[in-house]
Amino acid sequence: MRKTSLLALCTLPLACLAQSIERPSPRPGDECSYDILDNLRSKEKIAEKHMVVTSVAPGNITMRVTHRVLVTRDTGDLTDGQVAYDDNLNVAERDGIKFARPYPRRIYPLQPGLRLANQEVEYPVQAGNSRTESLDATAGSWETRTVPAGRFEVLTLQWKGWYNGRSPVWRWSGRMQRDIALSPATWCEISSTEQIYNPNTSPWTHRDFVLTGFKRDRAEPDHGVAASSLE
């Protein structure tokens, strides 16, 4: 009878999920593919993004990032190249820019309701320009998210705060928010939304990234549940 009750419980949505999302372990050859949507004027697909893990070492995971740009507008920042990450898959080096501390996008273990305040980010100074960010992070509760790659149980980590920029000529500031959905089923981000506002509160960046497919080394054990995936 006890076994029957347990099986019945596991048919309920989210009932058998782990309490948290643990740090993933990507392997060389793993891949993630995304559609990039621009929401400034209307939801328009502007590019495709492809990531391939090229090497894995303690504290240094590298990936080759490429884009297929579909429109010329608002896509100048979508550059190709090698990106280095730390063990939590936070960016340590990108476009030749090395961060003193990896740029925060993920926190592990990720649990519902997790909060982290006053995360300070400082970009390396280039050509006299500098930029700092002050962000707070809040994790939501378990939910089901459907993207082209399938249906996933996710926790969404919201980063919210302010940025400040300085050049030899002027200074500027504004607010920003990133919502990043993560799942125990894959190390790929399931989806994310980025909104950056200028000082007059008008958004000049509003993008969605949605997972369209992923491939992982079959030697890697599965963690979590995905309703479906494209591999």
C-alpha atoms as a PDB file:
ATOM      1  CA  MET A   1       0.000   0.000   0.000  1.00  0.00           C
ATOM      2  CA  ARG A   2       2.847   2.395   0.859  1.00  0.00           C
ATOM      3  CA  LYS A   3       4.437   1.803  -2.571  1.00  0.00           C
ATOM      4  CA  THR A   4       1.140   2.479  -4.320  1.00  0.00           C
ATOM      5  CA  SER A   5       0.739   5.758  -2.436  1.00  0.00           C
ATOM      6  CA  LEU A   6       4.234   6.864  -3.423  1.00  0.00           C
ATOM      7  CA  LEU A   7       3.577   6.113  -7.093  1.00  0.00           C
ATOM      8  CA  ALA A   8       0.334   8.022  -6.945  1.00  0.00           C
ATOM      9  CA  LEU A   9       2.119  10.989  -5.360  1.00  0.00           C
ATOM     10  CA  CYS A  10       4.704  11.046  -8.140  1.00  0.00           C
ATOM     11  CA  THR A  11       2.027  11.535 -10.772  1.00  0.00           C
ATOM     12  CA  LEU A  12       1.258  14.953  -9.313  1.00  0.00           C
ATOM     13  CA  PRO A  13       2.951  17.957 -10.999  1.00  0.00           C
ATOM     14  CA  LEU A  14       6.259  18.887  -9.328  1.00  0.00           C
ATOM     15  CA  ALA A  15       5.724  16.390  -6.496  1.00  0.00           C
ATOM     16  CA  CYS A  16       8.903  14.440  -7.255  1.00  0.00           C
ATOM     17  CA  LEU A  17      11.192  17.340  -8.051  1.00  0.00           C
ATOM     18  CA  ALA A  18      14.309  17.864  -6.009  1.00  0.00           C
ATOM     19  CA  GLN A  19      14.208  20.664  -3.473  1.00  0.00           C
ATOM     20  CA  SER A  20      16.902  22.567  -5.350  1.00  0.00           C
ATOM     21  CA  ILE A  21      18.808  22.735  -8.617  1.00  0.00           C
ATOM     22  CA  GLU A  22      22.387  21.628  -8.050  1.00  0.00           C
ATOM     23  CA  ARG A  23      25.442  22.838  -9.944  1.00  0.00           C
ATOM     24  CA  PRO A  24      25.458  21.120 -13.383  1.00  0.00           C
ATOM     25  CA  SER A  25      28.414  19.359 -14.995  1.00  0.00           C
ATOM     26  CA  PRO A  26      28.614  20.149 -18.718  1.00  0.00           C
ATOM     27  CA  ARG A  27      30.956  17.999 -20.791  1.00  0.00           C
ATOM     28  CA  PRO A  28      32.979  18.740 -23.948  1.00  0.00           C
ATOM     29  CA  GLY A  29      30.694  18.400 -26.957  1.00  0.00           C
ATOM     30  CA  ASP A  30      27.523  19.448 -25.112  1.00  0.00           C
ATOM     31  CA  GLU A  31      25.470  22.002 -27.037  1.00  0.00           C
ATOM     32  CA  CYS A  32      22.695  24.542 -26.507  1.00  0.00           C
ATOM     33  CA  SER A  33      20.739  26.389 -29.223  1.00  0.00           C
ATOM     34  CA  TYR A  34      18.550  29.464 -28.767  1.00  0.00           C
ATOM     35  CA  ASP A  35      16.283  31.825 -30.641  1.00  0.00           C
ATOM     36  CA  ILE A  36      16.841  35.493 -29.781  1.00  0.00           C
ATOM     37  CA  LEU A  37      13.710  37.674 -29.863  1.00  0.00           C
ATOM     38  CA  ASP A  38      13.657  41.471 -29.822  1.00  0.00           C
ATOM     39  CA  ASN A  39      10.632  42.860 -27.968  1.00  0.00           C
ATOM     40  CA  LEU A  40      11.268  46.589 -28.359  1.00  0.00           C
ATOM     41  CA  ARG A  41       8.780  47.135 -31.204  1.00  0.00           C
ATOM     42  CA  SER A  42       7.177  43.713 -31.541  1.00  0.00           C
ATOM     43  CA  LYS A  43       8.267  40.191 -30.703  1.00  0.00           C
ATOM     44  CA  GLU A  44      10.615  39.562 -33.624  1.00  0.00           C
ATOM     45  CA  LYS A  45      13.215  36.850 -34.054  1.00  0.00           C
ATOM     46  CA  ILE A  46      16.479  38.660 -34.761  1.00  0.00           C
ATOM     47  CA  ALA A  47      19.113  35.914 -34.417  1.00  0.00           C
ATOM     48  CA  GLU A  48      19.953  32.350 -33.448  1.00  0.00           C
ATOM     49  CA  LYS A  49      22.608  31.475 -30.884  1.00  0.00           C
ATOM     50  CA  HIS A  50      24.613  28.256 -30.656  1.00  0.00           C
ATOM     51  CA  MET A  51      26.910  27.233 -27.790  1.00  0.00           C
ATOM     52  CA  VAL A  52      29.297  24.251 -27.751  1.00  0.00           C
ATOM     53  CA  VAL A  53      31.397  23.212 -24.750  1.00  0.00           C
ATOM     54  CA  THR A  54      35.019  22.979 -25.904  1.00  0.00           C
ATOM     55  CA  SER A  55      36.866  22.226 -22.659  1.00  0.00           C
ATOM     56  CA  VAL A  56      36.150  21.599 -18.985  1.00  0.00           C
ATOM     57  CA  ALA A  57      38.620  22.115 -16.148  1.00  0.00           C
ATOM     58  CA  PRO A  58      38.117  23.087 -12.480  1.00  0.00           C
ATOM     59  CA  GLY A  59      37.118  26.742 -12.420  1.00  0.00           C
ATOM     60  CA  ASN A  60      37.365  27.118 -16.210  1.00  0.00           C
ATOM     61  CA  ILE A  61      34.672  25.917 -18.614  1.00  0.00           C
ATOM     62  CA  THR A  62      35.055  27.233 -22.155  1.00  0.00           C
ATOM     63  CA  MET A  63      32.430  27.376 -24.886  1.00  0.00           C
ATOM     64  CA  ARG A  64      32.395  28.421 -28.509  1.00  0.00           C
ATOM     65  CA  VAL A  65      29.529  30.848 -29.102  1.00  0.00           C
ATOM     66  CA  THR A  66      28.257  31.629 -32.606  1.00  0.00           C
ATOM     67  CA  HIS A  67      25.279  33.550 -33.967  1.00  0.00           C
ATOM     68  CA  ARG A  68      23.196  33.490 -37.115  1.00  0.00           C
ATOM     69  CA  VAL A  69      22.074  37.106 -37.421  1.00  0.00           C
ATOM     70  CA  LEU A  70      18.754  37.556 -39.214  1.00  0.00           C
ATOM     71  CA  VAL A  71      18.394  41.353 -39.094  1.00  0.00           C
ATOM     72  CA  THR A  72      20.978  44.132 -38.934  1.00  0.00           C
ATOM     73  CA  ARG A  73      19.076  46.221 -36.393  1.00  0.00           C
ATOM     74  CA  ASP A  74      20.093  45.928 -32.719  1.00  0.00           C
ATOM     75  CA  THR A  75      22.380  42.937 -33.268  1.00  0.00           C
ATOM     76  CA  GLY A  76      25.823  44.551 -33.226  1.00  0.00           C
ATOM     77  CA  ASP A  77      26.568  43.153 -29.764  1.00  0.00           C
ATOM     78  CA  LEU A  78      25.963  39.534 -30.846  1.00  0.00           C
ATOM     79  CA  THR A  79      29.610  38.644 -31.349  1.00  0.00           C
ATOM     80  CA  ASP A  80      31.103  35.187 -31.933  1.00  0.00           C
ATOM     81  CA  GLY A  81      34.048  33.763 -30.025  1.00  0.00           C
ATOM     82  CA  GLN A  82      35.260  31.755 -27.043  1.00  0.00           C
ATOM     83  CA  VAL A  83      33.664  32.474 -23.666  1.00  0.00           C
ATOM     84  CA  ALA A  84      35.145  31.301 -20.371  1.00  0.00           C
ATOM     85  CA  TYR A  85      32.935  30.433 -17.385  1.00  0.00           C
ATOM     86  CA  ASP A  86      33.516  29.498 -13.759  1.00  0.00           C
ATOM     87  CA  ASP A  87      32.164  26.310 -12.176  1.00  0.00           C
ATOM     88  CA  ASN A  88      28.725  27.920 -11.734  1.00  0.00           C
ATOM     89  CA  LEU A  89      28.609  28.869 -15.437  1.00  0.00           C
ATOM     90  CA  ASN A  90      28.969  32.563 -14.715  1.00  0.00           C
ATOM     91  CA  VAL A  91      31.000  34.487 -17.298  1.00  0.00           C
ATOM     92  CA  ALA A  92      34.662  34.988 -16.373  1.00  0.00           C
ATOM     93  CA  GLU A  93      35.950  36.229 -19.747  1.00  0.00           C
ATOM     94  CA  ARG A  94      34.125  37.340 -22.905  1.00  0.00           C
ATOM     95  CA  ASP A  95      35.207  39.302 -25.984  1.00  0.00           C
ATOM     96  CA  GLY A  96      38.670  39.601 -24.471  1.00  0.00           C
ATOM     97  CA  ILE A  97      37.246  41.190 -21.317  1.00  0.00           C
ATOM     98  CA  LYS A  98      38.254  39.489 -18.055  1.00  0.00           C
ATOM     99  CA  PHE A  99      36.044  40.118 -15.052  1.00  0.00           C
ATOM    100  CA  ALA A 100      37.654  40.517 -11.646  1.00  0.00           C
ATOM    101  CA  ARG A 101      34.735  38.424 -10.394  1.00  0.00           C
ATOM    102  CA  PRO A 102      32.622  36.274 -12.752  1.00  0.00           C
ATOM    103  CA  TYR A 103      29.522  38.090 -13.999  1.00  0.00           C
ATOM    104  CA  PRO A 104      26.576  36.677 -12.010  1.00  0.00           C
ATOM    105  CA  ARG A 105      23.745  34.904 -13.833  1.00  0.00           C
ATOM    106  CA  ARG A 106      23.384  31.708 -11.793  1.00  0.00           C
ATOM    107  CA  ILE A 107      23.472  30.656  -8.144  1.00  0.00           C
ATOM    108  CA  TYR A 108      23.851  27.043  -6.992  1.00  0.00           C
ATOM    109  CA  PRO A 109      22.273  25.310  -5.268  1.00  0.00           C
ATOM    110  CA  LEU A 110      19.212  27.218  -6.498  1.00  0.00           C
ATOM    111  CA  GLN A 111      16.194  26.933  -4.212  1.00  0.00           C
ATOM    112  CA  PRO A 112      12.713  28.485  -4.308  1.00  0.00           C
ATOM    113  CA  GLY A 113      12.665  31.839  -2.545  1.00  0.00           C
ATOM    114  CA  LEU A 114      16.446  32.233  -2.454  1.00  0.00           C
ATOM    115  CA  ARG A 115      17.563  35.863  -2.071  1.00  0.00           C
ATOM    116  CA  LEU A 116      20.939  37.504  -2.541  1.00  0.00           C
ATOM    117  CA  ALA A 117      21.359  41.271  -2.169  1.00  0.00           C
ATOM    118  CA  ASN A 118      23.881  43.847  -3.313  1.00  0.00           C
ATOM    119  CA  GLN A 119      25.888  41.918  -5.870  1.00  0.00           C
ATOM    120  CA  GLU A 120      28.410  44.393  -7.247  1.00  0.00           C
ATOM    121  CA  VAL A 121      29.771  43.980 -10.781  1.00  0.00           C
ATOM    122  CA  GLU A 122      32.630  46.022 -12.220  1.00  0.00           C
ATOM    123  CA  TYR A 123      33.538  45.823 -15.890  1.00  0.00           C
ATOM    124  CA  PRO A 124      37.221  46.251 -16.793  1.00  0.00           C
ATOM    125  CA  VAL A 125      37.989  49.754 -18.054  1.00  0.00           C
ATOM    126  CA  GLN A 126      38.342  49.903 -21.851  1.00  0.00           C
ATOM    127  CA  ALA A 127      39.155  52.993 -23.911  1.00  0.00           C
ATOM    128  CA  GLY A 128      38.443  55.118 -20.866  1.00  0.00           C
ATOM    129  CA  ASN A 129      34.932  53.709 -20.422  1.00  0.00           C
ATOM    130  CA  SER A 130      33.824  51.944 -17.254  1.00  0.00           C
ATOM    131  CA  ARG A 131      30.587  50.364 -16.054  1.00  0.00           C
ATOM    132  CA  THR A 132      29.381  49.076 -12.712  1.00  0.00           C
ATOM    133  CA  GLU A 133      26.194  47.266 -11.746  1.00  0.00           C
ATOM    134  CA  SER A 134      24.473  46.697  -8.420  1.00  0.00           C
ATOM    135  CA  LEU A 135      22.036  43.772  -8.494  1.00  0.00           C
ATOM    136  CA  ASP A 136      19.715  41.868  -6.174  1.00  0.00           C
ATOM    137  CA  ALA A 137      18.721  38.265  -6.946  1.00  0.00           C
ATOM    138  CA  THR A 138      15.455  36.514  -6.071  1.00  0.00           C
ATOM    139  CA  ALA A 139      14.379  32.991  -7.015  1.00  0.00           C
ATOM    140  CA  GLY A 140      10.725  32.194  -7.670  1.00  0.00           C
ATOM    141  CA  SER A 141       8.819  28.957  -7.105  1.00  0.00           C
ATOM    142  CA  TRP A 142       8.665  25.818  -9.261  1.00  0.00           C
ATOM    143  CA  GLU A 143       6.669  26.199 -12.468  1.00  0.00           C
ATOM    144  CA  THR A 144       6.335  24.520 -15.855  1.00  0.00           C
ATOM    145  CA  ARG A 145       7.905  26.395 -18.778  1.00  0.00           C
ATOM    146  CA  THR A 146       7.310  25.466 -22.433  1.00  0.00           C
ATOM    147  CA  VAL A 147       9.880  26.473 -25.053  1.00  0.00           C
ATOM    148  CA  PRO A 148      10.674  25.058 -28.516  1.00  0.00           C
ATOM    149  CA  ALA A 149      12.991  22.476 -26.907  1.00  0.00           C
ATOM    150  CA  GLY A 150      10.161  21.063 -24.770  1.00  0.00           C
ATOM    151  CA  ARG A 151       8.405  21.401 -21.410  1.00  0.00           C
ATOM    152  CA  PHE A 152      10.564  21.810 -18.314  1.00  0.00           C
ATOM    153  CA  GLU A 153      10.111  22.278 -14.602  1.00  0.00           C
ATOM    154  CA  VAL A 154      12.039  25.445 -13.783  1.00  0.00           C
ATOM    155  CA  LEU A 155      13.018  27.944 -11.147  1.00  0.00           C
ATOM    156  CA  THR A 156      13.349  31.522 -12.392  1.00  0.00           C
ATOM    157  CA  LEU A 157      16.153  33.619 -10.929  1.00  0.00           C
ATOM    158  CA  GLN A 158      15.465  37.348 -11.220  1.00  0.00           C
ATOM    159  CA  TRP A 159      18.347  39.834 -11.193  1.00  0.00           C
ATOM    160  CA  LYS A 160      17.229  43.422 -10.673  1.00  0.00           C
ATOM    161  CA  GLY A 161      19.116  46.641 -10.050  1.00  0.00           C
ATOM    162  CA  TRP A 162      21.021  49.590 -11.500  1.00  0.00           C
ATOM    163  CA  TYR A 163      23.964  50.243 -13.790  1.00  0.00           C
ATOM    164  CA  ASN A 164      26.290  53.243 -13.951  1.00  0.00           C
ATOM    165  CA  GLY A 165      28.579  54.124 -16.855  1.00  0.00           C
ATOM    166  CA  ARG A 166      31.394  56.615 -17.221  1.00  0.00           C
ATOM    167  CA  SER A 167      33.466  57.840 -20.156  1.00  0.00           C
ATOM    168  CA  PRO A 168      35.970  60.663 -20.492  1.00  0.00           C
ATOM    169  CA  VAL A 169      33.104  62.842 -21.794  1.00  0.00           C
ATOM    170  CA  TRP A 170      29.902  61.909 -19.932  1.00  0.00           C
ATOM    171  CA  ARG A 171      28.227  59.658 -17.352  1.00  0.00           C
ATOM    172  CA  TRP A 172      24.986  57.700 -17.565  1.00  0.00           C
ATOM    173  CA  SER A 173      22.899  55.313 -15.481  1.00  0.00           C
ATOM    174  CA  GLY A 174      19.696  53.305 -15.613  1.00  0.00           C
ATOM    175  CA  ARG A 175      17.907  50.262 -14.307  1.00  0.00           C
ATOM    176  CA  MET A 176      17.982  46.697 -15.534  1.00  0.00           C
ATOM    177  CA  GLN A 177      16.365  43.303 -14.981  1.00  0.00           C
ATOM    178  CA  ARG A 178      17.169  39.763 -16.096  1.00  0.00           C
ATOM    179  CA  ASP A 179      14.853  36.783 -15.538  1.00  0.00           C
ATOM    180  CA  ILE A 180      16.670  33.472 -16.078  1.00  0.00           C
ATOM    181  CA  ALA A 181      14.766  30.152 -16.007  1.00  0.00           C
ATOM    182  CA  LEU A 182      16.869  27.132 -15.010  1.00  0.00           C
ATOM    183  CA  SER A 183      15.952  23.450 -14.833  1.00  0.00           C
ATOM    184  CA  PRO A 184      17.505  20.360 -13.235  1.00  0.00           C
ATOM    185  CA  ALA A 185      17.018  18.607 -16.605  1.00  0.00           C
ATOM    186  CA  THR A 186      19.829  20.431 -18.449  1.00  0.00           C
ATOM    187  CA  TRP A 187      22.617  22.919 -17.786  1.00  0.00           C
ATOM    188  CA  CYS A 188      21.299  25.068 -20.659  1.00  0.00           C
ATOM    189  CA  GLU A 189      19.241  28.069 -19.646  1.00  0.00           C
ATOM    190  CA  ILE A 190      15.629  27.275 -20.551  1.00  0.00           C
ATOM    191  CA  SER A 191      14.778  30.892 -21.268  1.00  0.00           C
ATOM    192  CA  SER A 192      15.758  34.378 -20.229  1.00  0.00           C
ATOM    193  CA  THR A 193      14.485  37.918 -20.603  1.00  0.00           C
ATOM    194  CA  GLU A 194      16.749  40.953 -20.467  1.00  0.00           C
ATOM    195  CA  GLN A 195      15.448  44.499 -20.009  1.00  0.00           C
ATOM    196  CA  ILE A 196      17.754  47.516 -19.791  1.00  0.00           C
ATOM    197  CA  TYR A 197      16.314  51.008 -19.359  1.00  0.00           C
ATOM    198  CA  ASN A 198      17.865  54.379 -20.049  1.00  0.00           C
ATOM    199  CA  PRO A 199      17.691  57.267 -17.554  1.00  0.00           C
ATOM    200  CA  ASN A 200      14.290  58.296 -18.943  1.00  0.00           C
ATOM    201  CA  THR A 201      12.925  54.775 -18.151  1.00  0.00           C
ATOM    202  CA  SER A 202      12.390  53.922 -21.814  1.00  0.00           C
ATOM    203  CA  PRO A 203      13.714  50.429 -22.597  1.00  0.00           C
ATOM    204  CA  TRP A 204      16.509  50.338 -25.151  1.00  0.00           C
ATOM    205  CA  THR A 205      17.115  46.614 -24.749  1.00  0.00           C
ATOM    206  CA  HIS A 206      14.300  44.084 -24.323  1.00  0.00           C
ATOM    207  CA  ARG A 207      15.163  40.575 -25.472  1.00  0.00           C
ATOM    208  CA  ASP A 208      14.053  37.024 -24.938  1.00  0.00           C
ATOM    209  CA  PHE A 209      16.299  33.976 -25.309  1.00  0.00           C
ATOM    210  CA  VAL A 210      14.426  30.669 -25.679  1.00  0.00           C
ATOM    211  CA  LEU A 211      15.983  27.210 -25.813  1.00  0.00           C
ATOM    212  CA  THR A 212      15.325  25.498 -29.144  1.00  0.00           C
ATOM    213  CA  GLY A 213      17.456  22.389 -28.634  1.00  0.00           C
ATOM    214  CA  PHE A 214      20.270  20.822 -26.646  1.00  0.00           C
ATOM    215  CA  LYS A 215      22.621  17.895 -26.890  1.00  0.00           C
ATOM    216  CA  ARG A 216      24.602  16.306 -24.094  1.00  0.00           C
ATOM    217  CA  ASP A 217      27.146  13.544 -23.714  1.00  0.00           C
ATOM    218  CA  ARG A 218      25.170  10.364 -23.047  1.00  0.00           C
ATOM    219  CA  ALA A 219      27.715   9.349 -20.422  1.00  0.00           C
ATOM    220  CA  GLU A 220      26.399  12.153 -18.273  1.00  0.00           C
ATOM    221  CA  PRO A 221      23.577  10.975 -15.937  1.00  0.00           C
ATOM    222  CA  ASP A 222      20.295  12.807 -16.167  1.00  0.00           C
ATOM    223  CA  HIS A 223      19.131  15.006 -13.291  1.00  0.00           C
ATOM    224  CA  GLY A 224      15.559  16.225 -13.070  1.00  0.00           C
ATOM    225  CA  VAL A 225      12.755  15.916 -15.560  1.00  0.00           C
ATOM    226  CA  ALA A 226      12.128  17.409 -18.966  1.00  0.00           C
ATOM    227  CA  ALA A 227       8.882  16.611 -20.688  1.00  0.00           C
ATOM    228  CA  SER A 228      10.695  16.579 -24.028  1.00  0.00           C
ATOM    229  CA  SER A 229      13.894  17.804 -25.634  1.00  0.00           C
ATOM    230  CA  LEU A 230      15.445  18.073 -29.063  1.00  0.00           C
ATOM    231  CA  GLU A 231      18.687  16.111 -29.104  1.00  0.00           C
END
